[in-house]
Amino acid sequence: MIMLLGGRLLTCYSLRCIRAAFLGFVPVSALALLYICTQQRERSVMTAEPAASA
């Protein structure tokens, strides 16, 4: 009985931890993706400018 209750509590706690980690990970990954996209766009613009001027 105690083992079952402990297991249920552990599952609830782990699910909460997973959800918290997921909620924390989503904005961070979105920001990282946005940063990578802007960096690549700047790099492509930098590589395109000398070719256009030359």
Protein backbone atom coordinates (compact mmCIF):
# COMPACT_ATOMS: atom_id res chain seq x y z
CA MET A 1 0.00 0.00 0.00
CA ILE A 2 2.75 2.47 0.99
CA MET A 3 4.82 1.38 -2.01
CA LEU A 4 1.86 2.02 -4.35
CA LEU A 5 1.26 5.45 -2.83
CA GLY A 6 4.99 6.26 -3.02
CA GLY A 7 5.10 5.13 -6.65
CA ARG A 8 2.11 7.28 -7.52
CA LEU A 9 3.64 10.28 -5.74
CA LEU A 10 6.95 9.70 -7.54
CA THR A 11 5.17 9.48 -10.90
CA CYS A 12 3.26 12.69 -10.20
CA TYR A 13 6.46 14.44 -9.12
CA SER A 14 8.42 13.20 -12.14
CA LEU A 15 5.62 14.28 -14.49
CA ARG A 16 5.64 17.71 -12.87
CA CYS A 17 9.43 17.88 -13.26
CA ILE A 18 9.17 16.80 -16.91
CA ARG A 19 6.47 19.38 -17.56
CA ALA A 20 8.49 22.11 -15.84
CA ALA A 21 11.59 21.13 -17.82
CA PHE A 22 9.55 21.08 -21.04
CA LEU A 23 8.01 24.49 -20.32
CA GLY A 24 11.47 25.83 -19.58
CA PHE A 25 12.99 24.18 -22.65
CA VAL A 26 10.44 25.40 -25.22
CA PRO A 27 11.14 29.18 -24.92
CA VAL A 28 14.89 28.59 -24.69
CA SER A 29 14.94 26.41 -27.80
CA ALA A 30 12.73 28.91 -29.64
CA LEU A 31 15.10 31.75 -28.74
CA ALA A 32 18.11 29.67 -29.75
CA LEU A 33 16.48 28.84 -33.09
CA LEU A 34 15.63 32.51 -33.65
CA TYR A 35 19.23 33.49 -32.80
CA ILE A 36 20.65 30.88 -35.19
CA CYS A 37 18.31 32.06 -37.96
CA THR A 38 19.33 35.70 -37.50
CA GLN A 39 23.02 34.77 -37.39
CA GLN A 40 22.72 32.77 -40.63
CA ARG A 41 20.76 35.58 -42.29
CA GLU A 42 23.45 38.13 -41.30
CA ARG A 43 26.16 35.79 -42.54
CA SER A 44 24.38 35.25 -45.88
CA VAL A 45 23.92 39.02 -46.22
CA MET A 46 27.62 39.54 -45.46
CA THR A 47 28.66 36.97 -48.05
CA ALA A 48 26.18 38.35 -50.61
CA GLU A 49 27.30 42.01 -50.30
CA PRO A 50 30.90 41.62 -51.54
CA ALA A 51 29.68 39.47 -54.45
CA ALA A 52 27.15 42.16 -55.40
CA SER A 53 29.73 44.95 -55.16
CA ALA A 54 32.32 42.91 -57.10
